[in-house]
PDB file of all heavy atoms in Angstrom:
ATOM      1  N   GLU A   1     221.944  78.550  46.594  1.00  0.00           N
ATOM      2  CA  GLU A   1     222.708  79.198  45.539  1.00  0.00           C
ATOM      3  C   GLU A   1     222.257  78.621  44.205  1.00  0.00           C
ATOM      4  O   GLU A   1     221.745  77.498  44.144  1.00  0.00           O
ATOM      5  CB  GLU A   1     224.212  79.011  45.728  1.00  0.00           C
ATOM      6  CG  GLU A   1     224.690  77.585  45.857  1.00  0.00           C
ATOM      7  CD  GLU A   1     226.165  77.509  46.212  1.00  0.00           C
ATOM      8  OE1 GLU A   1     226.475  77.531  47.416  1.00  0.00           O
ATOM      9  OE2 GLU A   1     227.005  77.449  45.286  1.00  0.00           O
ATOM     10  N   ALA A   2     222.434  79.398  43.146  1.00  0.00           N
ATOM     11  CA  ALA A   2     222.062  78.973  41.796  1.00  0.00           C
ATOM     12  C   ALA A   2     223.322  78.946  40.942  1.00  0.00           C
ATOM     13  O   ALA A   2     224.237  79.751  41.142  1.00  0.00           O
ATOM     14  CB  ALA A   2     221.031  79.936  41.198  1.00  0.00           C
ATOM     15  N   ASN A   3     223.370  78.046  39.967  1.00  0.00           N
ATOM     16  CA  ASN A   3     224.545  77.975  39.105  1.00  0.00           C
ATOM     17  C   ASN A   3     224.326  78.669  37.776  1.00  0.00           C
ATOM     18  O   ASN A   3     225.074  78.460  36.813  1.00  0.00           O
ATOM     19  CB  ASN A   3     224.976  76.516  38.891  1.00  0.00           C
ATOM     20  CG  ASN A   3     223.969  75.723  38.070  1.00  0.00           C
ATOM     21  OD1 ASN A   3     222.897  76.220  37.711  1.00  0.00           O
ATOM     22  ND2 ASN A   3     224.303  74.468  37.777  1.00  0.00           N
ATOM     23  N   PHE A   4     223.307  79.512  37.706  1.00  0.00           N
ATOM     24  CA  PHE A   4     223.022  80.306  36.507  1.00  0.00           C
ATOM     25  C   PHE A   4     222.377  81.615  36.960  1.00  0.00           C
ATOM     26  O   PHE A   4     221.889  81.713  38.092  1.00  0.00           O
ATOM     27  CB  PHE A   4     222.082  79.542  35.562  1.00  0.00           C
ATOM     28  CG  PHE A   4     220.695  79.372  36.102  1.00  0.00           C
ATOM     29  CD1 PHE A   4     219.663  80.223  35.707  1.00  0.00           C
ATOM     30  CD2 PHE A   4     220.400  78.367  37.018  1.00  0.00           C
ATOM     31  CE1 PHE A   4     218.382  80.077  36.217  1.00  0.00           C
ATOM     32  CE2 PHE A   4     219.119  78.211  37.522  1.00  0.00           C
ATOM     33  CZ  PHE A   4     218.115  79.064  37.123  1.00  0.00           C
ATOM     34  N   PRO A   5     222.366  82.666  36.122  1.00  0.00           N
ATOM     35  CA  PRO A   5     221.737  83.937  36.503  1.00  0.00           C
ATOM     36  C   PRO A   5     220.243  83.718  36.719  1.00  0.00           C
ATOM     37  O   PRO A   5     219.513  83.448  35.773  1.00  0.00           O
ATOM     38  CB  PRO A   5     222.001  84.842  35.293  1.00  0.00           C
ATOM     39  CG  PRO A   5     223.172  84.224  34.603  1.00  0.00           C
ATOM     40  CD  PRO A   5     223.013  82.744  34.797  1.00  0.00           C
ATOM     41  N   ALA A   6     219.793  83.811  37.946  1.00  0.00           N
ATOM     42  CA  ALA A   6     218.413  83.456  38.264  1.00  0.00           C
ATOM     43  C   ALA A   6     217.709  84.532  39.073  1.00  0.00           C
ATOM     44  O   ALA A   6     218.341  85.374  39.717  1.00  0.00           O
ATOM     45  CB  ALA A   6     218.382  82.145  39.040  1.00  0.00           C
ATOM     46  N   PHE A   7     216.396  84.472  39.007  1.00  0.00           N
ATOM     47  CA  PHE A   7     215.537  85.257  39.889  1.00  0.00           C
ATOM     48  C   PHE A   7     214.923  84.250  40.851  1.00  0.00           C
ATOM     49  O   PHE A   7     214.437  83.196  40.435  1.00  0.00           O
ATOM     50  CB  PHE A   7     214.442  85.977  39.098  1.00  0.00           C
ATOM     51  CG  PHE A   7     214.958  87.099  38.237  1.00  0.00           C
ATOM     52  CD1 PHE A   7     215.395  86.851  36.947  1.00  0.00           C
ATOM     53  CD2 PHE A   7     215.007  88.400  38.728  1.00  0.00           C
ATOM     54  CE1 PHE A   7     215.872  87.882  36.148  1.00  0.00           C
ATOM     55  CE2 PHE A   7     215.488  89.444  37.938  1.00  0.00           C
ATOM     56  CZ  PHE A   7     215.920  89.178  36.649  1.00  0.00           C
ATOM     57  N   VAL A   8     214.957  84.558  42.139  1.00  0.00           N
ATOM     58  CA  VAL A   8     214.474  83.630  43.153  1.00  0.00           C
ATOM     59  C   VAL A   8     213.507  84.317  44.112  1.00  0.00           C
ATOM     60  O   VAL A   8     213.748  85.451  44.535  1.00  0.00           O
ATOM     61  CB  VAL A   8     215.647  83.046  43.972  1.00  0.00           C
ATOM     62  CG1 VAL A   8     215.128  82.204  45.140  1.00  0.00           C
ATOM     63  CG2 VAL A   8     216.558  82.207  43.087  1.00  0.00           C
ATOM     64  N   GLU A   9     212.423  83.640  44.425  1.00  0.00           N
ATOM     65  CA  GLU A   9     211.490  84.117  45.444  1.00  0.00           C
ATOM     66  C   GLU A   9     211.120  82.935  46.333  1.00  0.00           C
ATOM     67  O   GLU A   9     210.928  81.825  45.843  1.00  0.00           O
ATOM     68  CB  GLU A   9     210.243  84.752  44.831  1.00  0.00           C
ATOM     69  CG  GLU A   9     210.562  86.028  44.063  1.00  0.00           C
ATOM     70  CD  GLU A   9     209.335  86.831  43.659  1.00  0.00           C
ATOM     71  OE1 GLU A   9     208.212  86.470  44.070  1.00  0.00           O
ATOM     72  OE2 GLU A   9     209.501  87.824  42.940  1.00  0.00           O
ATOM     73  N   ILE A  10     211.036  83.189  47.636  1.00  0.00           N
ATOM     74  CA  ILE A  10     210.732  82.139  48.599  1.00  0.00           C
ATOM     75  C   ILE A  10     209.521  82.556  49.419  1.00  0.00           C
ATOM     76  O   ILE A  10     209.442  83.700  49.878  1.00  0.00           O
ATOM     77  CB  ILE A  10     211.935  81.889  49.532  1.00  0.00           C
ATOM     78  CG1 ILE A  10     213.153  81.449  48.700  1.00  0.00           C
ATOM     79  CG2 ILE A  10     211.603  80.821  50.568  1.00  0.00           C
ATOM     80  CD1 ILE A  10     214.425  81.366  49.508  1.00  0.00           C
ATOM     81  N   TYR A  11     208.594  81.644  49.593  1.00  0.00           N
ATOM     82  CA  TYR A  11     207.349  81.945  50.291  1.00  0.00           C
ATOM     83  C   TYR A  11     207.039  80.924  51.377  1.00  0.00           C
ATOM     84  O   TYR A  11     207.360  79.747  51.269  1.00  0.00           O
ATOM     85  CB  TYR A  11     206.170  81.967  49.311  1.00  0.00           C
ATOM     86  CG  TYR A  11     206.213  83.113  48.341  1.00  0.00           C
ATOM     87  CD1 TYR A  11     206.938  83.008  47.152  1.00  0.00           C
ATOM     88  CD2 TYR A  11     205.554  84.314  48.595  1.00  0.00           C
ATOM     89  CE1 TYR A  11     206.997  84.057  46.243  1.00  0.00           C
ATOM     90  CE2 TYR A  11     205.602  85.366  47.705  1.00  0.00           C
ATOM     91  CZ  TYR A  11     206.324  85.236  46.531  1.00  0.00           C
ATOM     92  OH  TYR A  11     206.393  86.280  45.649  1.00  0.00           O
ATOM     93  N   ASN A  12     206.376  81.408  52.400  1.00  0.00           N
ATOM     94  CA  ASN A  12     205.816  80.549  53.436  1.00  0.00           C
ATOM     95  C   ASN A  12     204.311  80.450  53.182  1.00  0.00           C
ATOM     96  O   ASN A  12     203.649  81.454  52.905  1.00  0.00           O
ATOM     97  CB  ASN A  12     206.050  81.161  54.825  1.00  0.00           C
ATOM     98  CG  ASN A  12     205.315  80.414  55.907  1.00  0.00           C
ATOM     99  OD1 ASN A  12     205.658  79.303  56.262  1.00  0.00           O
ATOM    100  ND2 ASN A  12     204.279  81.033  56.444  1.00  0.00           N
ATOM    101  N   GLN A  13     203.780  79.236  53.255  1.00  0.00           N
ATOM    102  CA  GLN A  13     202.352  79.041  53.015  1.00  0.00           C
ATOM    103  C   GLN A  13     201.643  78.751  54.325  1.00  0.00           C
ATOM    104  O   GLN A  13     201.965  77.773  54.998  1.00  0.00           O
ATOM    105  CB  GLN A  13     202.120  77.880  52.047  1.00  0.00           C
ATOM    106  CG  GLN A  13     200.651  77.723  51.677  1.00  0.00           C
ATOM    107  CD  GLN A  13     200.441  76.621  50.673  1.00  0.00           C
ATOM    108  OE1 GLN A  13     201.100  75.584  50.734  1.00  0.00           O
ATOM    109  NE2 GLN A  13     199.529  76.821  49.752  1.00  0.00           N
ATOM    110  N   GLY A  14     200.712  79.598  54.689  1.00  0.00           N
ATOM    111  CA  GLY A  14     199.967  79.418  55.925  1.00  0.00           C
ATOM    112  C   GLY A  14     198.817  78.444  55.765  1.00  0.00           C
ATOM    113  O   GLY A  14     198.481  78.025  54.663  1.00  0.00           O
ATOM    114  N   SER A  15     198.207  78.082  56.875  1.00  0.00           N
ATOM    115  CA  SER A  15     197.105  77.128  56.851  1.00  0.00           C
ATOM    116  C   SER A  15     195.900  77.677  56.101  1.00  0.00           C
ATOM    117  O   SER A  15     195.056  76.918  55.620  1.00  0.00           O
ATOM    118  CB  SER A  15     196.701  76.765  58.283  1.00  0.00           C
ATOM    119  OG  SER A  15     196.340  77.942  59.013  1.00  0.00           O
ATOM    120  N   SER A  16     195.816  79.000  55.969  1.00  0.00           N
ATOM    121  CA  SER A  16     194.702  79.623  55.252  1.00  0.00           C
ATOM    122  C   SER A  16     194.863  79.501  53.743  1.00  0.00           C
ATOM    123  O   SER A  16     193.921  79.736  52.986  1.00  0.00           O
ATOM    124  CB  SER A  16     194.605  81.107  55.618  1.00  0.00           C
ATOM    125  OG  SER A  16     195.733  81.814  55.134  1.00  0.00           O
ATOM    126  N   GLY A  17     196.065  79.129  53.308  1.00  0.00           N
ATOM    127  CA  GLY A  17     196.335  79.053  51.882  1.00  0.00           C
ATOM    128  C   GLY A  17     197.054  80.289  51.385  1.00  0.00           C
ATOM    129  O   GLY A  17     197.587  80.309  50.272  1.00  0.00           O
ATOM    130  N   ASN A  18     197.056  81.358  52.196  1.00  0.00           N
ATOM    131  CA  ASN A  18     197.771  82.561  51.813  1.00  0.00           C
ATOM    132  C   ASN A  18     199.270  82.358  51.994  1.00  0.00           C
ATOM    133  O   ASN A  18     199.711  81.584  52.838  1.00  0.00           O
ATOM    134  CB  ASN A  18     197.319  83.755  52.653  1.00  0.00           C
ATOM    135  CG  ASN A  18     195.952  84.264  52.250  1.00  0.00           C
ATOM    136  OD1 ASN A  18     195.483  84.003  51.136  1.00  0.00           O
ATOM    137  ND2 ASN A  18     195.294  84.968  53.143  1.00  0.00           N
ATOM    138  N   VAL A  19     200.059  83.052  51.179  1.00  0.00           N
ATOM    139  CA  VAL A  19     201.507  82.920  51.249  1.00  0.00           C
ATOM    140  C   VAL A  19     202.133  84.217  51.751  1.00  0.00           C
ATOM    141  O   VAL A  19     201.564  85.299  51.608  1.00  0.00           O
ATOM    142  CB  VAL A  19     202.104  82.559  49.870  1.00  0.00           C
ATOM    143  CG1 VAL A  19     201.543  81.238  49.385  1.00  0.00           C
ATOM    144  CG2 VAL A  19     201.840  83.665  48.850  1.00  0.00           C
ATOM    145  N   GLN A  20     203.300  84.080  52.330  1.00  0.00           N
ATOM    146  CA  GLN A  20     204.052  85.220  52.848  1.00  0.00           C
ATOM    147  C   GLN A  20     205.454  85.152  52.261  1.00  0.00           C
ATOM    148  O   GLN A  20     206.135  84.125  52.361  1.00  0.00           O
ATOM    149  CB  GLN A  20     204.134  85.179  54.371  1.00  0.00           C
ATOM    150  CG  GLN A  20     205.014  86.273  54.964  1.00  0.00           C
ATOM    151  CD  GLN A  20     205.225  86.082  56.448  1.00  0.00           C
ATOM    152  OE1 GLN A  20     204.716  85.127  57.039  1.00  0.00           O
ATOM    153  NE2 GLN A  20     205.975  86.982  57.055  1.00  0.00           N
ATOM    154  N   ARG A  21     205.898  86.236  51.645  1.00  0.00           N
ATOM    155  CA  ARG A  21     207.214  86.215  51.008  1.00  0.00           C
ATOM    156  C   ARG A  21     208.320  86.371  52.040  1.00  0.00           C
ATOM    157  O   ARG A  21     208.305  87.280  52.864  1.00  0.00           O
ATOM    158  CB  ARG A  21     207.336  87.328  49.960  1.00  0.00           C
ATOM    159  CG  ARG A  21     208.624  87.237  49.154  1.00  0.00           C
ATOM    160  CD  ARG A  21     208.600  88.122  47.938  1.00  0.00           C
ATOM    161  NE  ARG A  21     208.586  89.534  48.312  1.00  0.00           N
ATOM    162  CZ  ARG A  21     208.492  90.535  47.423  1.00  0.00           C
ATOM    163  NH1 ARG A  21     208.363  90.245  46.143  1.00  0.00           N
ATOM    164  NH2 ARG A  21     208.496  91.787  47.828  1.00  0.00           N
ATOM    165  N   LEU A  22     209.313  85.482  51.953  1.00  0.00           N
ATOM    166  CA  LEU A  22     210.462  85.528  52.843  1.00  0.00           C
ATOM    167  C   LEU A  22     211.718  86.021  52.128  1.00  0.00           C
ATOM    168  O   LEU A  22     212.653  86.506  52.755  1.00  0.00           O
ATOM    169  CB  LEU A  22     210.730  84.132  53.411  1.00  0.00           C
ATOM    170  CG  LEU A  22     209.583  83.472  54.160  1.00  0.00           C
ATOM    171  CD1 LEU A  22     210.005  82.097  54.644  1.00  0.00           C
ATOM    172  CD2 LEU A  22     209.128  84.338  55.326  1.00  0.00           C
ATOM    173  N   PHE A  23     211.757  85.850  50.806  1.00  0.00           N
ATOM    174  CA  PHE A  23     212.875  86.305  49.993  1.00  0.00           C
ATOM    175  C   PHE A  23     212.335  86.711  48.633  1.00  0.00           C
ATOM    176  O   PHE A  23     211.498  86.006  48.082  1.00  0.00           O
ATOM    177  CB  PHE A  23     213.920  85.188  49.835  1.00  0.00           C
ATOM    178  CG  PHE A  23     215.155  85.617  49.081  1.00  0.00           C
ATOM    179  CD1 PHE A  23     216.230  86.173  49.745  1.00  0.00           C
ATOM    180  CD2 PHE A  23     215.216  85.482  47.704  1.00  0.00           C
ATOM    181  CE1 PHE A  23     217.361  86.586  49.050  1.00  0.00           C
ATOM    182  CE2 PHE A  23     216.340  85.894  46.997  1.00  0.00           C
ATOM    183  CZ  PHE A  23     217.413  86.447  47.681  1.00  0.00           C
ATOM    184  N   PRO A  24     212.782  87.827  48.019  1.00  0.00           N
ATOM    185  CA  PRO A  24     213.852  88.702  48.503  1.00  0.00           C
ATOM    186  C   PRO A  24     213.426  89.523  49.719  1.00  0.00           C
ATOM    187  O   PRO A  24     212.246  89.717  49.977  1.00  0.00           O
ATOM    188  CB  PRO A  24     214.137  89.601  47.312  1.00  0.00           C
ATOM    189  CG  PRO A  24     212.834  89.670  46.578  1.00  0.00           C
ATOM    190  CD  PRO A  24     212.235  88.295  46.729  1.00  0.00           C
TER     191      PRO A  24
END
């Protein structure tokens, strides 16, 4: 949770260096 109006993105980083978005 955030205590201010925020934009959030969450990523998984694979061994190849590429990322995969988990959120939103």
